Amino acid sequence: MATTAAGTHAPGEIQLYRIPDAMKVLGLGRSVIYELIRSNRLRAVRQGRARLIPAAAIREYVALLEAEAQEAAK
């Protein structure tokens, strides 16, 4: 495994997801993804005209949801 500033990843592992791919990974609709980006709950970067979601941002969003669920269960 290679180590980067963002963390550890396997060679060949996807690091940046296009919006349709992020939709599939998260199981969310297009408008929900864009709303999460607008509300700063999901980080995105730009490469030219393309908006891309870093794999680390997806992991961070899932961790955020888990933390919120734990807090709500208390």
N, C-alpha and C. Protein backbone atom coordinates (compact mmCIF):
# COMPACT_ATOMS: atom_id res chain seq x y z
N MET A 1 0.83 -1.19 0.00
CA MET A 1 0.00 0.00 0.00
C MET A 1 0.87 1.24 0.00
N ALA A 2 0.44 2.21 -0.77
CA ALA A 2 1.15 3.48 -0.81
C ALA A 2 0.51 4.43 0.19
N THR A 3 1.34 5.30 0.73
CA THR A 3 0.83 6.27 1.69
C THR A 3 0.91 7.66 1.08
N THR A 4 -0.16 8.41 1.23
CA THR A 4 -0.20 9.79 0.74
C THR A 4 -0.57 10.69 1.90
N ALA A 5 -0.58 11.99 1.64
CA ALA A 5 -0.98 12.93 2.68
C ALA A 5 -2.42 12.68 3.12
N ALA A 6 -3.24 12.17 2.22
CA ALA A 6 -4.66 11.92 2.54
C ALA A 6 -4.86 10.60 3.27
N GLY A 7 -3.85 9.74 3.29
CA GLY A 7 -4.01 8.46 3.97
C GLY A 7 -3.39 7.34 3.18
N THR A 8 -3.84 6.14 3.43
CA THR A 8 -3.29 4.96 2.80
C THR A 8 -4.26 4.43 1.75
N HIS A 9 -3.71 4.04 0.59
CA HIS A 9 -4.56 3.48 -0.45
C HIS A 9 -3.79 2.42 -1.22
N ALA A 10 -4.52 1.50 -1.79
CA ALA A 10 -3.93 0.45 -2.60
C ALA A 10 -3.66 0.98 -4.00
N PRO A 11 -2.58 0.50 -4.64
CA PRO A 11 -2.33 0.92 -6.02
C PRO A 11 -3.54 0.54 -6.89
N GLY A 12 -3.95 1.43 -7.75
CA GLY A 12 -5.08 1.18 -8.62
C GLY A 12 -6.42 1.53 -7.98
N GLU A 13 -6.44 1.84 -6.70
CA GLU A 13 -7.68 2.22 -6.02
C GLU A 13 -8.10 3.60 -6.52
N ILE A 14 -9.39 3.77 -6.76
CA ILE A 14 -9.89 5.06 -7.26
C ILE A 14 -9.72 6.10 -6.17
N GLN A 15 -9.17 7.25 -6.54
CA GLN A 15 -8.95 8.33 -5.59
C GLN A 15 -9.91 9.49 -5.81
N LEU A 16 -10.40 9.65 -7.03
CA LEU A 16 -11.34 10.72 -7.35
C LEU A 16 -12.53 10.13 -8.09
N TYR A 17 -13.73 10.45 -7.61
CA TYR A 17 -14.96 9.94 -8.21
C TYR A 17 -15.70 11.07 -8.92
N ARG A 18 -16.16 10.81 -10.13
CA ARG A 18 -17.07 11.74 -10.79
C ARG A 18 -18.41 11.65 -10.08
N ILE A 19 -19.25 12.64 -10.26
CA ILE A 19 -20.54 12.69 -9.55
C ILE A 19 -21.36 11.41 -9.76
N PRO A 20 -21.52 10.90 -10.99
CA PRO A 20 -22.31 9.66 -11.14
C PRO A 20 -21.73 8.48 -10.37
N ASP A 21 -20.40 8.41 -10.29
CA ASP A 21 -19.76 7.32 -9.54
C ASP A 21 -19.96 7.50 -8.04
N ALA A 22 -19.86 8.72 -7.55
CA ALA A 22 -20.10 9.01 -6.13
C ALA A 22 -21.56 8.68 -5.79
N MET A 23 -22.47 8.95 -6.71
CA MET A 23 -23.88 8.62 -6.50
C MET A 23 -24.03 7.12 -6.25
N LYS A 24 -23.35 6.31 -7.06
CA LYS A 24 -23.44 4.86 -6.92
C LYS A 24 -22.81 4.39 -5.61
N VAL A 25 -21.64 4.94 -5.28
CA VAL A 25 -20.93 4.53 -4.07
C VAL A 25 -21.76 4.85 -2.83
N LEU A 26 -22.35 6.03 -2.80
CA LEU A 26 -23.11 6.47 -1.62
C LEU A 26 -24.58 6.08 -1.68
N GLY A 27 -25.06 5.68 -2.85
CA GLY A 27 -26.47 5.32 -2.98
C GLY A 27 -27.39 6.51 -2.86
N LEU A 28 -26.92 7.67 -3.34
CA LEU A 28 -27.69 8.91 -3.26
C LEU A 28 -27.94 9.46 -4.65
N GLY A 29 -28.96 10.30 -4.76
CA GLY A 29 -29.29 10.93 -6.03
C GLY A 29 -28.39 12.12 -6.34
N ARG A 30 -28.42 12.53 -7.59
CA ARG A 30 -27.60 13.63 -8.07
C ARG A 30 -27.85 14.93 -7.29
N SER A 31 -29.12 15.29 -7.10
CA SER A 31 -29.42 16.54 -6.42
C SER A 31 -28.97 16.49 -4.96
N VAL A 32 -29.04 15.31 -4.33
CA VAL A 32 -28.59 15.17 -2.94
C VAL A 32 -27.08 15.37 -2.87
N ILE A 33 -26.35 14.78 -3.80
CA ILE A 33 -24.89 14.94 -3.84
C ILE A 33 -24.54 16.42 -3.95
N TYR A 34 -25.17 17.12 -4.88
CA TYR A 34 -24.86 18.54 -5.06
C TYR A 34 -25.25 19.36 -3.84
N GLU A 35 -26.33 19.00 -3.17
CA GLU A 35 -26.73 19.71 -1.95
C GLU A 35 -25.71 19.48 -0.84
N LEU A 36 -25.20 18.26 -0.73
CA LEU A 36 -24.16 17.96 0.26
C LEU A 36 -22.90 18.76 -0.02
N ILE A 37 -22.56 18.92 -1.29
CA ILE A 37 -21.39 19.73 -1.66
C ILE A 37 -21.64 21.19 -1.29
N ARG A 38 -22.82 21.71 -1.64
CA ARG A 38 -23.15 23.11 -1.33
C ARG A 38 -23.13 23.38 0.17
N SER A 39 -23.58 22.42 0.95
CA SER A 39 -23.65 22.61 2.40
C SER A 39 -22.34 22.25 3.11
N ASN A 40 -21.31 21.93 2.34
CA ASN A 40 -19.98 21.58 2.87
C ASN A 40 -19.98 20.32 3.72
N ARG A 41 -20.93 19.43 3.50
CA ARG A 41 -20.92 18.14 4.20
C ARG A 41 -20.15 17.10 3.39
N LEU A 42 -19.94 17.37 2.11
CA LEU A 42 -19.18 16.49 1.23
C LEU A 42 -18.22 17.36 0.43
N ARG A 43 -16.92 17.10 0.60
CA ARG A 43 -15.92 17.89 -0.12
C ARG A 43 -15.86 17.49 -1.59
N ALA A 44 -15.59 18.46 -2.43
CA ALA A 44 -15.40 18.22 -3.85
C ALA A 44 -14.27 19.10 -4.34
N VAL A 45 -13.63 18.67 -5.41
CA VAL A 45 -12.57 19.45 -6.04
C VAL A 45 -12.92 19.63 -7.51
N ARG A 46 -12.29 20.60 -8.14
CA ARG A 46 -12.51 20.84 -9.57
C ARG A 46 -11.25 20.50 -10.33
N GLN A 47 -11.42 19.83 -11.45
CA GLN A 47 -10.34 19.58 -12.40
C GLN A 47 -10.90 20.01 -13.74
N GLY A 48 -10.50 21.21 -14.17
CA GLY A 48 -11.12 21.78 -15.36
C GLY A 48 -12.58 22.05 -15.05
N ARG A 49 -13.47 21.55 -15.88
CA ARG A 49 -14.90 21.74 -15.65
C ARG A 49 -15.53 20.62 -14.83
N ALA A 50 -14.75 19.56 -14.61
CA ALA A 50 -15.29 18.41 -13.88
C ALA A 50 -15.23 18.63 -12.38
N ARG A 51 -16.30 18.27 -11.70
CA ARG A 51 -16.33 18.28 -10.23
C ARG A 51 -16.08 16.84 -9.80
N LEU A 52 -15.10 16.65 -8.93
CA LEU A 52 -14.70 15.32 -8.50
C LEU A 52 -14.78 15.22 -6.99
N ILE A 53 -15.13 14.04 -6.51
CA ILE A 53 -15.22 13.79 -5.07
C ILE A 53 -14.04 12.90 -4.68
N PRO A 54 -13.14 13.39 -3.82
CA PRO A 54 -12.03 12.54 -3.37
C PRO A 54 -12.56 11.34 -2.57
N ALA A 55 -11.88 10.20 -2.71
CA ALA A 55 -12.28 9.00 -1.95
C ALA A 55 -12.25 9.29 -0.46
N ALA A 56 -11.27 10.08 -0.02
CA ALA A 56 -11.18 10.43 1.40
C ALA A 56 -12.41 11.22 1.85
N ALA A 57 -12.96 12.06 0.97
CA ALA A 57 -14.15 12.85 1.31
C ALA A 57 -15.36 11.94 1.49
N ILE A 58 -15.44 10.88 0.70
CA ILE A 58 -16.54 9.92 0.86
C ILE A 58 -16.41 9.21 2.20
N ARG A 59 -15.19 8.79 2.55
CA ARG A 59 -14.98 8.14 3.85
C ARG A 59 -15.31 9.09 4.99
N GLU A 60 -14.92 10.37 4.86
CA GLU A 60 -15.21 11.36 5.90
C GLU A 60 -16.71 11.57 6.04
N TYR A 61 -17.43 11.60 4.93
CA TYR A 61 -18.88 11.79 4.98
C TYR A 61 -19.56 10.61 5.67
N VAL A 62 -19.13 9.40 5.35
CA VAL A 62 -19.70 8.21 6.00
C VAL A 62 -19.41 8.25 7.51
N ALA A 63 -18.19 8.64 7.88
CA ALA A 63 -17.84 8.75 9.30
C ALA A 63 -18.70 9.81 9.99
N LEU A 64 -18.97 10.91 9.30
CA LEU A 64 -19.84 11.96 9.83
C LEU A 64 -21.24 11.42 10.10
N LEU A 65 -21.77 10.66 9.15
CA LEU A 65 -23.10 10.07 9.33
C LEU A 65 -23.12 9.11 10.51
N GLU A 66 -22.07 8.31 10.65
CA GLU A 66 -22.00 7.36 11.77
C GLU A 66 -21.93 8.11 13.10
N ALA A 67 -21.15 9.19 13.16
CA ALA A 67 -21.03 9.98 14.38
C ALA A 67 -22.37 10.62 14.73
N GLU A 68 -23.07 11.13 13.72
CA GLU A 68 -24.39 11.74 13.96
C GLU A 68 -25.38 10.69 14.45
N ALA A 69 -25.32 9.49 13.90
CA ALA A 69 -26.22 8.42 14.33
C ALA A 69 -25.93 8.02 15.78
N GLN A 70 -24.66 7.96 16.15
CA GLN A 70 -24.31 7.64 17.53
C GLN A 70 -24.80 8.73 18.48
N GLU A 71 -24.63 9.98 18.08
CA GLU A 71 -25.07 11.09 18.91
C GLU A 71 -26.59 11.09 19.07
N ALA A 72 -27.29 10.77 18.01
CA ALA A 72 -28.76 10.73 18.07
C ALA A 72 -29.25 9.58 18.95
N ALA A 73 -28.47 8.50 19.03
CA ALA A 73 -28.87 7.33 19.81
C ALA A 73 -28.67 7.55 21.31
N LYS A 74 -27.93 8.57 21.68
CA LYS A 74 -27.66 8.82 23.11
C LYS A 74 -28.86 9.38 23.80
